[in-house]
Amino acid sequence: MARRTHSSPSPRTRVRRLHERARYDREAIDSVLDAGLVAHLGFVSEGQPFVIPTLHARIGDEVYVHGSAASRTLRALASAIPACLTVTLLDGIVLARSVFEHSMNYRSVVVLGTAHAVEDPSEKLAALEAFTEKLLPGRWAEARPPTRKELRATSILRLSLDEASAKIRDGGPEDGDTPDAMLDVWAGHVPLVVRALDPVPDEMLDPGIPVPPGLAPYRRPGLVD
């Protein structure tokens, strides 16, 4: 099936503040979802708002989240209530000449819709593979696959990308063409990256087992760019 490539927002996903930073094309949306390692799921249960951090993975036109079958979050969302999923990547600190213009460089995505429980075992396995491969490419083939009992103990939800938007800011401060430009104050931006340290083997690991080849990128600065 071809990927849907919407380029116009729904009334709910239209960015209203700083709309020039909005992106509605799937290339921008997918790039943020695929680069982010943590998503936040928002929903209301019994009148109480919740925002829960969770792992996520995109497969085609859906984004998947998973957790324990006993999780209140997943049980609530599986009952067809409105949900909001967000992913944010922090790229830098923006220092302006005035306090008002200080900001952050970032890439973010908001997905709105109704989460649906995944019941089909083959779809569950595909989602679990996507989660695993996102953490470490090649890991699905290296590690033991889930048992039937483990599959039953795992809940997986999918959320369509039909209503999604991205918002992106980059570059320096925006006060260079104002009277503040004459102030004797340093201005610019500080790029930020996520840097992984060397892998630490489990204390029970057989010393003859080598570090997986897929970990090589984690040993370089700037894993998430």
N, C-alpha and C. Protein backbone atom coordinates (compact mmCIF):
# COMPACT_ATOMS: atom_id res chain seq x y z
N MET A 1 0.85 -1.19 0.00
CA MET A 1 0.00 0.00 0.00
C MET A 1 0.88 1.24 0.00
N ALA A 2 0.56 2.22 -0.86
CA ALA A 2 1.35 3.44 -0.93
C ALA A 2 1.13 4.29 0.31
N ARG A 3 2.17 4.97 0.73
CA ARG A 3 2.08 5.82 1.91
C ARG A 3 1.24 7.04 1.60
N ARG A 4 0.34 7.38 2.52
CA ARG A 4 -0.45 8.59 2.36
C ARG A 4 0.44 9.79 2.61
N THR A 5 0.35 10.79 1.78
CA THR A 5 1.26 11.94 1.86
C THR A 5 0.46 13.24 1.96
N HIS A 6 -0.33 13.39 3.06
CA HIS A 6 -1.11 14.61 3.20
C HIS A 6 -0.18 15.80 3.38
N SER A 7 -0.56 16.94 2.79
CA SER A 7 0.24 18.15 2.92
C SER A 7 -0.58 19.31 3.44
N SER A 8 -1.83 19.05 3.84
CA SER A 8 -2.67 20.09 4.42
C SER A 8 -3.18 19.59 5.76
N PRO A 9 -3.30 20.49 6.74
CA PRO A 9 -3.69 20.06 8.08
C PRO A 9 -5.19 19.87 8.21
N SER A 10 -5.59 19.09 9.22
CA SER A 10 -6.99 19.05 9.61
C SER A 10 -7.24 20.26 10.51
N PRO A 11 -8.49 20.61 10.75
CA PRO A 11 -8.75 21.75 11.65
C PRO A 11 -8.11 21.57 13.02
N ARG A 12 -7.95 20.34 13.46
CA ARG A 12 -7.39 20.10 14.80
C ARG A 12 -5.86 20.14 14.81
N THR A 13 -5.22 19.85 13.70
CA THR A 13 -3.76 19.80 13.69
C THR A 13 -3.12 21.03 13.07
N ARG A 14 -3.92 21.99 12.62
CA ARG A 14 -3.35 23.21 12.06
C ARG A 14 -2.59 23.97 13.15
N VAL A 15 -1.33 24.32 12.87
CA VAL A 15 -0.52 25.08 13.82
C VAL A 15 -0.94 26.54 13.72
N ARG A 16 -1.40 27.09 14.82
CA ARG A 16 -1.94 28.45 14.80
C ARG A 16 -0.93 29.49 15.27
N ARG A 17 -0.03 29.12 16.17
CA ARG A 17 0.99 30.06 16.63
C ARG A 17 2.30 29.73 15.94
N LEU A 18 2.96 30.76 15.38
CA LEU A 18 4.18 30.58 14.60
C LEU A 18 3.95 29.55 13.50
N HIS A 19 2.91 29.78 12.74
CA HIS A 19 2.50 28.83 11.71
C HIS A 19 3.55 28.63 10.62
N GLU A 20 4.50 29.58 10.51
CA GLU A 20 5.54 29.42 9.49
C GLU A 20 6.49 28.26 9.82
N ARG A 21 6.46 27.77 11.04
CA ARG A 21 7.29 26.63 11.41
C ARG A 21 6.58 25.29 11.21
N ALA A 22 5.35 25.34 10.79
CA ALA A 22 4.57 24.11 10.64
C ALA A 22 4.95 23.35 9.38
N ARG A 23 4.89 22.04 9.47
CA ARG A 23 5.08 21.16 8.32
C ARG A 23 3.99 20.09 8.37
N TYR A 24 3.36 19.86 7.24
CA TYR A 24 2.28 18.88 7.18
C TYR A 24 2.59 17.73 6.24
N ASP A 25 3.75 17.77 5.57
CA ASP A 25 4.11 16.70 4.66
C ASP A 25 4.60 15.49 5.44
N ARG A 26 4.34 14.30 4.91
CA ARG A 26 4.69 13.08 5.62
C ARG A 26 6.19 12.89 5.76
N GLU A 27 6.97 13.43 4.85
CA GLU A 27 8.42 13.29 4.97
C GLU A 27 8.91 13.92 6.27
N ALA A 28 8.42 15.12 6.57
CA ALA A 28 8.82 15.79 7.80
C ALA A 28 8.28 15.07 9.03
N ILE A 29 7.02 14.67 8.97
CA ILE A 29 6.39 13.98 10.10
C ILE A 29 7.08 12.65 10.37
N ASP A 30 7.31 11.87 9.33
CA ASP A 30 7.94 10.55 9.52
C ASP A 30 9.37 10.68 10.04
N SER A 31 10.10 11.70 9.57
CA SER A 31 11.50 11.83 9.99
C SER A 31 11.60 12.09 11.48
N VAL A 32 10.67 12.86 12.04
CA VAL A 32 10.70 13.13 13.48
C VAL A 32 10.28 11.88 14.26
N LEU A 33 9.20 11.24 13.82
CA LEU A 33 8.74 10.02 14.50
C LEU A 33 9.83 8.95 14.49
N ASP A 34 10.52 8.81 13.37
CA ASP A 34 11.52 7.75 13.25
C ASP A 34 12.79 8.06 14.04
N ALA A 35 13.12 9.34 14.19
CA ALA A 35 14.33 9.70 14.91
C ALA A 35 14.13 9.70 16.42
N GLY A 36 12.92 9.99 16.87
CA GLY A 36 12.66 10.07 18.31
C GLY A 36 12.61 8.69 18.95
N LEU A 37 13.15 8.58 20.15
CA LEU A 37 13.15 7.31 20.87
C LEU A 37 12.04 7.23 21.92
N VAL A 38 11.49 8.37 22.30
CA VAL A 38 10.44 8.39 23.32
C VAL A 38 9.28 9.26 22.84
N ALA A 39 8.06 8.76 23.01
CA ALA A 39 6.86 9.52 22.73
C ALA A 39 6.11 9.77 24.03
N HIS A 40 5.23 10.75 24.02
CA HIS A 40 4.34 10.98 25.16
C HIS A 40 2.90 10.83 24.68
N LEU A 41 2.15 9.99 25.40
CA LEU A 41 0.75 9.72 25.07
C LEU A 41 -0.15 10.48 26.03
N GLY A 42 -1.03 11.29 25.49
CA GLY A 42 -1.98 12.03 26.31
C GLY A 42 -3.39 11.52 26.12
N PHE A 43 -4.14 11.44 27.22
CA PHE A 43 -5.53 11.00 27.16
C PHE A 43 -6.21 11.40 28.47
N VAL A 44 -7.54 11.30 28.49
CA VAL A 44 -8.31 11.59 29.69
C VAL A 44 -9.03 10.33 30.11
N SER A 45 -8.86 9.94 31.37
CA SER A 45 -9.53 8.76 31.91
C SER A 45 -10.27 9.15 33.18
N GLU A 46 -11.58 8.95 33.16
CA GLU A 46 -12.43 9.27 34.30
C GLU A 46 -12.24 10.72 34.75
N GLY A 47 -12.12 11.61 33.77
CA GLY A 47 -12.01 13.03 34.05
C GLY A 47 -10.62 13.51 34.41
N GLN A 48 -9.65 12.60 34.50
CA GLN A 48 -8.29 12.98 34.87
C GLN A 48 -7.37 12.92 33.66
N PRO A 49 -6.71 14.02 33.29
CA PRO A 49 -5.75 13.97 32.18
C PRO A 49 -4.48 13.23 32.60
N PHE A 50 -3.93 12.47 31.65
CA PHE A 50 -2.67 11.77 31.85
C PHE A 50 -1.78 12.01 30.63
N VAL A 51 -0.49 12.13 30.86
CA VAL A 51 0.50 12.17 29.78
C VAL A 51 1.60 11.19 30.18
N ILE A 52 1.75 10.11 29.39
CA ILE A 52 2.61 9.00 29.77
C ILE A 52 3.73 8.84 28.75
N PRO A 53 5.00 8.79 29.19
CA PRO A 53 6.10 8.50 28.25
C PRO A 53 6.09 7.04 27.84
N THR A 54 6.42 6.76 26.60
CA THR A 54 6.38 5.39 26.11
C THR A 54 7.28 5.24 24.88
N LEU A 55 7.72 4.01 24.62
CA LEU A 55 8.39 3.72 23.36
C LEU A 55 7.38 3.71 22.24
N HIS A 56 7.84 4.01 21.04
CA HIS A 56 6.94 4.01 19.89
C HIS A 56 7.73 3.58 18.66
N ALA A 57 6.99 3.20 17.62
CA ALA A 57 7.61 2.88 16.33
C ALA A 57 6.56 3.09 15.25
N ARG A 58 7.02 3.59 14.12
CA ARG A 58 6.12 3.81 12.98
C ARG A 58 6.28 2.68 11.99
N ILE A 59 5.13 2.18 11.50
CA ILE A 59 5.11 1.24 10.39
C ILE A 59 4.13 1.80 9.37
N GLY A 60 4.63 2.29 8.26
CA GLY A 60 3.76 2.84 7.24
C GLY A 60 2.96 4.03 7.75
N ASP A 61 1.64 3.89 7.70
CA ASP A 61 0.75 4.99 8.05
C ASP A 61 0.25 4.93 9.48
N GLU A 62 0.84 4.07 10.31
CA GLU A 62 0.45 3.98 11.70
C GLU A 62 1.67 4.11 12.62
N VAL A 63 1.43 4.62 13.81
CA VAL A 63 2.46 4.62 14.83
C VAL A 63 1.96 3.72 15.96
N TYR A 64 2.85 2.87 16.47
CA TYR A 64 2.50 1.88 17.47
C TYR A 64 3.14 2.23 18.81
N VAL A 65 2.44 1.91 19.89
CA VAL A 65 2.99 2.00 21.25
C VAL A 65 2.69 0.68 21.93
N HIS A 66 3.49 0.36 22.95
CA HIS A 66 3.25 -0.92 23.62
C HIS A 66 3.51 -0.81 25.11
N GLY A 67 3.01 -1.79 25.84
CA GLY A 67 3.19 -1.83 27.28
C GLY A 67 2.58 -3.10 27.83
N SER A 68 2.49 -3.16 29.14
CA SER A 68 1.91 -4.33 29.79
C SER A 68 0.41 -4.41 29.53
N ALA A 69 -0.09 -5.64 29.42
CA ALA A 69 -1.54 -5.82 29.25
C ALA A 69 -2.30 -5.29 30.46
N ALA A 70 -1.63 -5.17 31.60
CA ALA A 70 -2.28 -4.65 32.81
C ALA A 70 -2.16 -3.13 32.93
N SER A 71 -1.53 -2.48 31.96
CA SER A 71 -1.32 -1.05 32.02
C SER A 71 -2.63 -0.29 31.94
N ARG A 72 -2.84 0.64 32.88
CA ARG A 72 -4.04 1.47 32.84
C ARG A 72 -4.06 2.32 31.58
N THR A 73 -2.89 2.79 31.17
CA THR A 73 -2.80 3.62 29.98
C THR A 73 -3.35 2.89 28.77
N LEU A 74 -2.83 1.69 28.51
CA LEU A 74 -3.23 0.97 27.31
C LEU A 74 -4.65 0.46 27.39
N ARG A 75 -5.09 0.07 28.59
CA ARG A 75 -6.48 -0.38 28.73
C ARG A 75 -7.44 0.77 28.48
N ALA A 76 -7.09 1.97 28.96
CA ALA A 76 -7.95 3.13 28.75
C ALA A 76 -8.00 3.53 27.28
N LEU A 77 -6.84 3.56 26.64
CA LEU A 77 -6.79 3.97 25.23
C LEU A 77 -7.45 2.95 24.32
N ALA A 78 -7.38 1.68 24.68
CA ALA A 78 -7.99 0.65 23.84
C ALA A 78 -9.51 0.71 23.84
N SER A 79 -10.09 1.49 24.76
CA SER A 79 -11.54 1.61 24.83
C SER A 79 -12.05 2.72 23.91
N ALA A 80 -11.25 3.07 22.91
CA ALA A 80 -11.64 4.01 21.85
C ALA A 80 -11.93 5.41 22.39
N ILE A 81 -11.01 5.95 23.19
CA ILE A 81 -11.11 7.33 23.63
C ILE A 81 -10.10 8.16 22.85
N PRO A 82 -10.34 9.46 22.71
CA PRO A 82 -9.40 10.30 21.97
C PRO A 82 -8.02 10.29 22.61
N ALA A 83 -7.01 10.32 21.76
CA ALA A 83 -5.63 10.28 22.25
C ALA A 83 -4.79 11.30 21.49
N CYS A 84 -3.69 11.69 22.11
CA CYS A 84 -2.73 12.59 21.50
C CYS A 84 -1.34 12.03 21.75
N LEU A 85 -0.57 11.84 20.69
CA LEU A 85 0.81 11.37 20.81
C LEU A 85 1.74 12.47 20.32
N THR A 86 2.77 12.76 21.11
CA THR A 86 3.75 13.77 20.72
C THR A 86 5.16 13.20 20.80
N VAL A 87 6.00 13.64 19.89
CA VAL A 87 7.42 13.31 19.90
C VAL A 87 8.18 14.62 19.70
N THR A 88 9.19 14.87 20.54
CA THR A 88 9.97 16.09 20.46
C THR A 88 11.45 15.77 20.48
N LEU A 89 12.20 16.37 19.57
CA LEU A 89 13.66 16.27 19.54
C LEU A 89 14.22 17.65 19.82
N LEU A 90 15.06 17.75 20.84
CA LEU A 90 15.67 19.02 21.21
C LEU A 90 17.00 19.16 20.49
N ASP A 91 17.14 20.22 19.69
CA ASP A 91 18.33 20.41 18.86
C ASP A 91 19.24 21.53 19.32
N GLY A 92 18.78 22.41 20.18
CA GLY A 92 19.66 23.50 20.60
C GLY A 92 18.98 24.50 21.49
N ILE A 93 19.82 25.33 22.13
CA ILE A 93 19.36 26.44 22.96
C ILE A 93 19.61 27.73 22.19
N VAL A 94 18.62 28.59 22.12
CA VAL A 94 18.72 29.85 21.39
C VAL A 94 18.81 30.99 22.39
N LEU A 95 19.92 31.74 22.34
CA LEU A 95 20.17 32.85 23.26
C LEU A 95 20.07 34.17 22.50
N ALA A 96 19.09 34.96 22.86
CA ALA A 96 18.86 36.23 22.19
C ALA A 96 19.38 37.40 23.05
N ARG A 97 19.27 38.58 22.50
CA ARG A 97 19.72 39.77 23.23
C ARG A 97 18.69 40.20 24.27
N SER A 98 17.45 39.80 24.06
CA SER A 98 16.39 40.08 25.02
C SER A 98 15.86 38.77 25.58
N VAL A 99 15.41 38.81 26.81
CA VAL A 99 14.85 37.61 27.43
C VAL A 99 13.65 37.09 26.64
N PHE A 100 12.86 38.00 26.10
CA PHE A 100 11.64 37.62 25.40
C PHE A 100 11.92 36.72 24.20
N GLU A 101 13.05 36.91 23.52
CA GLU A 101 13.34 36.17 22.30
C GLU A 101 14.13 34.88 22.52
N HIS A 102 14.46 34.55 23.76
CA HIS A 102 15.14 33.27 24.01
C HIS A 102 14.22 32.12 23.59
N SER A 103 14.84 31.04 23.10
CA SER A 103 14.01 29.95 22.59
C SER A 103 14.81 28.65 22.56
N MET A 104 14.26 27.66 21.91
CA MET A 104 14.90 26.37 21.67
C MET A 104 14.79 26.02 20.20
N ASN A 105 15.78 25.31 19.68
CA ASN A 105 15.64 24.67 18.37
C ASN A 105 15.12 23.26 18.59
N TYR A 106 14.16 22.86 17.81
CA TYR A 106 13.49 21.60 18.06
C TYR A 106 12.81 21.09 16.79
N ARG A 107 12.46 19.81 16.83
CA ARG A 107 11.59 19.17 15.85
C ARG A 107 10.54 18.42 16.63
N SER A 108 9.28 18.65 16.32
CA SER A 108 8.22 17.99 17.08
C SER A 108 7.09 17.54 16.16
N VAL A 109 6.36 16.54 16.62
CA VAL A 109 5.20 16.03 15.89
C VAL A 109 4.06 15.82 16.88
N VAL A 110 2.86 16.16 16.46
CA VAL A 110 1.64 15.89 17.22
C VAL A 110 0.74 15.01 16.36
N VAL A 111 0.28 13.90 16.94
CA VAL A 111 -0.64 12.99 16.25
C VAL A 111 -1.92 12.91 17.06
N LEU A 112 -3.05 13.15 16.42
CA LEU A 112 -4.35 13.07 17.08
C LEU A 112 -5.16 11.93 16.48
N GLY A 113 -6.00 11.32 17.30
CA GLY A 113 -6.85 10.26 16.79
C GLY A 113 -7.35 9.35 17.89
N THR A 114 -7.79 8.18 17.49
CA THR A 114 -8.28 7.16 18.42
C THR A 114 -7.37 5.95 18.32
N ALA A 115 -6.84 5.51 19.44
CA ALA A 115 -5.95 4.35 19.46
C ALA A 115 -6.77 3.07 19.39
N HIS A 116 -6.26 2.10 18.64
CA HIS A 116 -6.93 0.81 18.49
C HIS A 116 -6.01 -0.30 18.97
N ALA A 117 -6.57 -1.23 19.73
CA ALA A 117 -5.79 -2.35 20.23
C ALA A 117 -5.44 -3.30 19.09
N VAL A 118 -4.20 -3.77 19.07
CA VAL A 118 -3.75 -4.74 18.07
C VAL A 118 -3.98 -6.14 18.64
N GLU A 119 -4.78 -6.93 17.95
CA GLU A 119 -5.10 -8.28 18.42
C GLU A 119 -4.46 -9.36 17.56
N ASP A 120 -4.25 -9.08 16.29
CA ASP A 120 -3.70 -10.08 15.37
C ASP A 120 -2.26 -10.40 15.77
N PRO A 121 -1.93 -11.68 16.02
CA PRO A 121 -0.58 -12.04 16.46
C PRO A 121 0.52 -11.62 15.49
N SER A 122 0.26 -11.73 14.19
CA SER A 122 1.29 -11.37 13.22
C SER A 122 1.55 -9.86 13.23
N GLU A 123 0.50 -9.07 13.42
CA GLU A 123 0.69 -7.62 13.51
C GLU A 123 1.41 -7.25 14.81
N LYS A 124 1.09 -7.98 15.88
CA LYS A 124 1.79 -7.76 17.15
C LYS A 124 3.28 -8.01 16.99
N LEU A 125 3.61 -9.13 16.34
CA LEU A 125 5.02 -9.45 16.14
C LEU A 125 5.72 -8.41 15.28
N ALA A 126 5.03 -7.95 14.24
CA ALA A 126 5.63 -6.93 13.38
C ALA A 126 5.89 -5.64 14.16
N ALA A 127 4.96 -5.28 15.06
CA ALA A 127 5.15 -4.08 15.86
C ALA A 127 6.31 -4.26 16.84
N LEU A 128 6.38 -5.43 17.47
CA LEU A 128 7.48 -5.69 18.41
C LEU A 128 8.83 -5.68 17.69
N GLU A 129 8.84 -6.19 16.48
CA GLU A 129 10.08 -6.15 15.70
C GLU A 129 10.46 -4.70 15.40
N ALA A 130 9.46 -3.88 15.08
CA ALA A 130 9.75 -2.47 14.79
C ALA A 130 10.30 -1.76 16.03
N PHE A 131 9.72 -2.04 17.21
CA PHE A 131 10.25 -1.45 18.44
C PHE A 131 11.71 -1.85 18.64
N THR A 132 11.98 -3.15 18.47
CA THR A 132 13.32 -3.68 18.74
C THR A 132 14.34 -3.13 17.75
N GLU A 133 13.98 -3.13 16.47
CA GLU A 133 14.91 -2.65 15.45
C GLU A 133 15.16 -1.15 15.57
N LYS A 134 14.20 -0.42 16.12
CA LYS A 134 14.42 1.01 16.31
C LYS A 134 15.46 1.26 17.38
N LEU A 135 15.46 0.43 18.44
CA LEU A 135 16.46 0.57 19.49
C LEU A 135 17.84 0.17 19.00
N LEU A 136 17.90 -0.92 18.23
CA LEU A 136 19.19 -1.39 17.72
C LEU A 136 18.97 -2.20 16.44
N PRO A 137 19.32 -1.66 15.29
CA PRO A 137 19.15 -2.40 14.03
C PRO A 137 19.85 -3.76 14.09
N GLY A 138 19.13 -4.81 13.70
CA GLY A 138 19.67 -6.16 13.71
C GLY A 138 19.40 -6.92 14.99
N ARG A 139 18.85 -6.24 15.99
CA ARG A 139 18.65 -6.88 17.30
C ARG A 139 17.58 -7.95 17.27
N TRP A 140 16.56 -7.79 16.42
CA TRP A 140 15.46 -8.76 16.36
C TRP A 140 15.99 -10.15 16.01
N ALA A 141 16.98 -10.22 15.13
CA ALA A 141 17.55 -11.51 14.73
C ALA A 141 18.51 -12.06 15.77
N GLU A 142 19.06 -11.19 16.63
CA GLU A 142 20.04 -11.62 17.62
C GLU A 142 19.39 -12.17 18.90
N ALA A 143 18.29 -11.56 19.30
CA ALA A 143 17.69 -11.88 20.59
C ALA A 143 16.58 -12.94 20.45
N ARG A 144 16.21 -13.55 21.59
CA ARG A 144 15.13 -14.54 21.58
C ARG A 144 13.81 -13.86 21.26
N PRO A 145 13.00 -14.44 20.39
CA PRO A 145 11.70 -13.85 20.08
C PRO A 145 10.74 -14.04 21.25
N PRO A 146 9.65 -13.26 21.29
CA PRO A 146 8.70 -13.39 22.38
C PRO A 146 7.93 -14.72 22.33
N THR A 147 7.61 -15.25 23.50
CA THR A 147 6.79 -16.46 23.58
C THR A 147 5.31 -16.09 23.49
N ARG A 148 4.47 -17.11 23.36
CA ARG A 148 3.02 -16.85 23.33
C ARG A 148 2.56 -16.18 24.62
N LYS A 149 3.12 -16.63 25.74
CA LYS A 149 2.76 -16.04 27.03
C LYS A 149 3.17 -14.57 27.08
N GLU A 150 4.34 -14.26 26.57
CA GLU A 150 4.80 -12.87 26.57
C GLU A 150 3.96 -12.01 25.65
N LEU A 151 3.53 -12.60 24.53
CA LEU A 151 2.65 -11.84 23.62
C LEU A 151 1.32 -11.52 24.30
N ARG A 152 0.78 -12.50 25.05
CA ARG A 152 -0.49 -12.26 25.75
C ARG A 152 -0.33 -11.20 26.83
N ALA A 153 0.85 -11.11 27.40
CA ALA A 153 1.10 -10.14 28.47
C ALA A 153 1.43 -8.75 27.94
N THR A 154 1.49 -8.61 26.63
CA THR A 154 1.85 -7.34 26.01
C THR A 154 0.67 -6.76 25.26
N SER A 155 0.35 -5.52 25.53
CA SER A 155 -0.66 -4.80 24.78
C SER A 155 0.01 -3.87 23.79
N ILE A 156 -0.52 -3.81 22.60
CA ILE A 156 0.00 -2.92 21.57
C ILE A 156 -1.16 -2.13 20.98
N LEU A 157 -0.96 -0.84 20.85
CA LEU A 157 -1.96 0.03 20.25
C LEU A 157 -1.40 0.68 19.01
N ARG A 158 -2.27 0.94 18.06
CA ARG A 158 -1.85 1.67 16.87
C ARG A 158 -2.70 2.93 16.72
N LEU A 159 -2.08 3.95 16.18
CA LEU A 159 -2.72 5.24 15.98
C LEU A 159 -2.43 5.68 14.56
N SER A 160 -3.47 5.98 13.81
CA SER A 160 -3.30 6.39 12.42
C SER A 160 -2.63 7.76 12.34
N LEU A 161 -1.88 7.97 11.26
CA LEU A 161 -1.23 9.25 11.02
C LEU A 161 -2.08 10.17 10.14
N ASP A 162 -3.38 9.89 10.06
CA ASP A 162 -4.26 10.74 9.25
C ASP A 162 -4.29 12.18 9.74
N GLU A 163 -4.20 12.36 11.06
CA GLU A 163 -4.18 13.71 11.63
C GLU A 163 -2.86 13.92 12.36
N ALA A 164 -1.93 14.54 11.69
CA ALA A 164 -0.61 14.75 12.27
C ALA A 164 0.00 16.03 11.69
N SER A 165 0.82 16.67 12.49
CA SER A 165 1.54 17.85 12.01
C SER A 165 2.89 17.91 12.70
N ALA A 166 3.84 18.54 12.03
CA ALA A 166 5.17 18.74 12.60
C ALA A 166 5.41 20.24 12.78
N LYS A 167 6.29 20.55 13.72
CA LYS A 167 6.68 21.93 13.94
C LYS A 167 8.19 21.93 14.17
N ILE A 168 8.89 22.79 13.44
CA ILE A 168 10.35 22.76 13.43
C ILE A 168 10.90 24.17 13.58
N ARG A 169 11.87 24.31 14.48
CA ARG A 169 12.60 25.58 14.59
C ARG A 169 14.09 25.29 14.52
N ASP A 170 14.82 26.09 13.75
CA ASP A 170 16.28 25.97 13.71
C ASP A 170 16.90 27.35 13.54
N GLY A 171 18.22 27.40 13.67
CA GLY A 171 18.92 28.66 13.48
C GLY A 171 19.05 29.48 14.75
N GLY A 172 19.44 30.73 14.58
CA GLY A 172 19.72 31.61 15.70
C GLY A 172 18.53 32.43 16.15
N PRO A 173 18.78 33.42 17.02
CA PRO A 173 17.69 34.26 17.53
C PRO A 173 17.11 35.14 16.44
N GLU A 174 15.93 35.65 16.74
CA GLU A 174 15.20 36.42 15.73
C GLU A 174 15.12 37.90 16.09
N ASP A 175 16.17 38.40 16.76
CA ASP A 175 16.15 39.82 17.13
C ASP A 175 17.27 40.60 16.44
N GLY A 176 17.90 39.98 15.42
CA GLY A 176 19.01 40.63 14.75
C GLY A 176 18.61 41.82 13.90
N ASP A 177 17.33 41.94 13.53
CA ASP A 177 16.89 43.06 12.71
C ASP A 177 15.98 44.00 13.52
N THR A 178 16.18 44.02 14.83
CA THR A 178 15.41 44.90 15.71
C THR A 178 16.38 45.85 16.43
N PRO A 179 15.86 46.84 17.14
CA PRO A 179 16.75 47.72 17.91
C PRO A 179 17.62 46.97 18.91
N ASP A 180 17.18 45.77 19.34
CA ASP A 180 17.98 44.99 20.29
C ASP A 180 19.32 44.57 19.71
N ALA A 181 19.45 44.58 18.40
CA ALA A 181 20.70 44.17 17.77
C ALA A 181 21.86 45.07 18.19
N MET A 182 21.56 46.27 18.67
CA MET A 182 22.60 47.19 19.09
C MET A 182 23.03 46.96 20.53
N LEU A 183 22.34 46.09 21.26
CA LEU A 183 22.70 45.84 22.64
C LEU A 183 24.02 45.09 22.74
N ASP A 184 24.77 45.38 23.78
CA ASP A 184 26.07 44.75 24.00
C ASP A 184 25.87 43.43 24.75
N VAL A 185 25.15 42.50 24.09
CA VAL A 185 24.80 41.20 24.69
C VAL A 185 25.09 40.11 23.67
N TRP A 186 25.78 39.04 24.11
CA TRP A 186 26.06 37.94 23.18
C TRP A 186 24.77 37.26 22.77
N ALA A 187 24.67 36.92 21.48
CA ALA A 187 23.50 36.23 20.96
C ALA A 187 23.94 35.13 20.01
N GLY A 188 23.18 34.07 19.94
CA GLY A 188 23.49 32.96 19.06
C GLY A 188 22.74 31.72 19.51
N HIS A 189 23.22 30.56 19.08
CA HIS A 189 22.56 29.34 19.54
C HIS A 189 23.60 28.27 19.85
N VAL A 190 23.23 27.37 20.73
CA VAL A 190 24.10 26.29 21.19
C VAL A 190 23.50 24.97 20.69
N PRO A 191 24.11 24.33 19.68
CA PRO A 191 23.58 23.04 19.20
C PRO A 191 23.71 21.97 20.28
N LEU A 192 22.72 21.11 20.37
CA LEU A 192 22.73 19.99 21.32
C LEU A 192 22.59 18.68 20.56
N VAL A 193 23.30 17.64 21.04
CA VAL A 193 23.18 16.31 20.46
C VAL A 193 23.08 15.29 21.58
N VAL A 194 22.52 14.13 21.27
CA VAL A 194 22.53 13.01 22.20
C VAL A 194 23.78 12.18 21.91
N ARG A 195 24.59 11.97 22.92
CA ARG A 195 25.84 11.23 22.75
C ARG A 195 25.82 9.98 23.60
N ALA A 196 26.02 8.84 22.98
CA ALA A 196 26.06 7.57 23.71
C ALA A 196 27.47 7.29 24.20
N LEU A 197 27.58 6.67 25.36
CA LEU A 197 28.87 6.24 25.89
C LEU A 197 29.12 4.79 25.48
N ASP A 198 30.30 4.28 25.82
CA ASP A 198 30.62 2.90 25.46
C ASP A 198 29.65 1.92 26.12
N PRO A 199 29.26 0.86 25.42
CA PRO A 199 28.35 -0.14 25.99
C PRO A 199 28.93 -0.76 27.25
N VAL A 200 28.07 -1.01 28.23
CA VAL A 200 28.47 -1.65 29.49
C VAL A 200 27.88 -3.06 29.52
N PRO A 201 28.69 -4.10 29.48
CA PRO A 201 28.16 -5.47 29.44
C PRO A 201 27.50 -5.85 30.76
N ASP A 202 26.47 -6.68 30.68
CA ASP A 202 25.83 -7.22 31.87
C ASP A 202 26.86 -8.02 32.66
N GLU A 203 26.77 -7.95 33.99
CA GLU A 203 27.78 -8.61 34.82
C GLU A 203 27.75 -10.14 34.70
N MET A 204 26.62 -10.68 34.23
CA MET A 204 26.51 -12.13 34.05
C MET A 204 26.85 -12.56 32.62
N LEU A 205 27.25 -11.62 31.76
CA LEU A 205 27.51 -11.93 30.37
C LEU A 205 28.78 -12.77 30.21
N ASP A 206 28.70 -13.79 29.37
CA ASP A 206 29.89 -14.57 29.03
C ASP A 206 30.89 -13.65 28.36
N PRO A 207 32.11 -13.55 28.87
CA PRO A 207 33.10 -12.62 28.29
C PRO A 207 33.46 -12.93 26.85
N GLY A 208 33.09 -14.10 26.36
CA GLY A 208 33.40 -14.44 24.98
C GLY A 208 32.39 -13.90 23.98
N ILE A 209 31.29 -13.32 24.47
CA ILE A 209 30.26 -12.80 23.57
C ILE A 209 30.64 -11.38 23.15
N PRO A 210 30.83 -11.14 21.85
CA PRO A 210 31.26 -9.81 21.40
C PRO A 210 30.13 -8.79 21.42
N VAL A 211 30.50 -7.53 21.39
CA VAL A 211 29.52 -6.45 21.28
C VAL A 211 28.84 -6.54 19.90
N PRO A 212 27.51 -6.46 19.83
CA PRO A 212 26.82 -6.55 18.54
C PRO A 212 27.31 -5.48 17.57
N PRO A 213 27.46 -5.83 16.30
CA PRO A 213 27.91 -4.84 15.31
C PRO A 213 26.98 -3.63 15.23
N GLY A 214 25.69 -3.86 15.48
CA GLY A 214 24.74 -2.75 15.39
C GLY A 214 24.97 -1.65 16.39
N LEU A 215 25.76 -1.92 17.44
CA LEU A 215 26.03 -0.90 18.45
C LEU A 215 27.07 0.11 18.00
N ALA A 216 27.73 -0.13 16.89
CA ALA A 216 28.79 0.76 16.44
C ALA A 216 28.33 2.22 16.34
N PRO A 217 27.16 2.51 15.75
CA PRO A 217 26.76 3.92 15.66
C PRO A 217 26.56 4.58 17.02
N TYR A 218 26.19 3.80 18.04
CA TYR A 218 25.99 4.36 19.37
C TYR A 218 27.29 4.85 19.99
N ARG A 219 28.42 4.43 19.46
CA ARG A 219 29.69 4.79 20.05
C ARG A 219 30.24 6.07 19.43
N ARG A 220 29.49 6.67 18.50
CA ARG A 220 29.92 7.92 17.89
C ARG A 220 29.11 9.07 18.47
N PRO A 221 29.72 10.23 18.68
CA PRO A 221 28.96 11.40 19.13
C PRO A 221 27.90 11.76 18.12
N GLY A 222 26.79 12.30 18.64
CA GLY A 222 25.73 12.77 17.75
C GLY A 222 24.90 11.65 17.16
N LEU A 223 24.54 10.66 17.98
CA LEU A 223 23.71 9.57 17.47
C LEU A 223 22.40 10.08 16.92
N VAL A 224 21.75 10.98 17.65
CA VAL A 224 20.53 11.61 17.17
C VAL A 224 20.89 12.96 16.63
N ASP A 225 20.75 13.14 15.33
CA ASP A 225 21.15 14.43 14.76
C ASP A 225 19.93 15.23 14.33
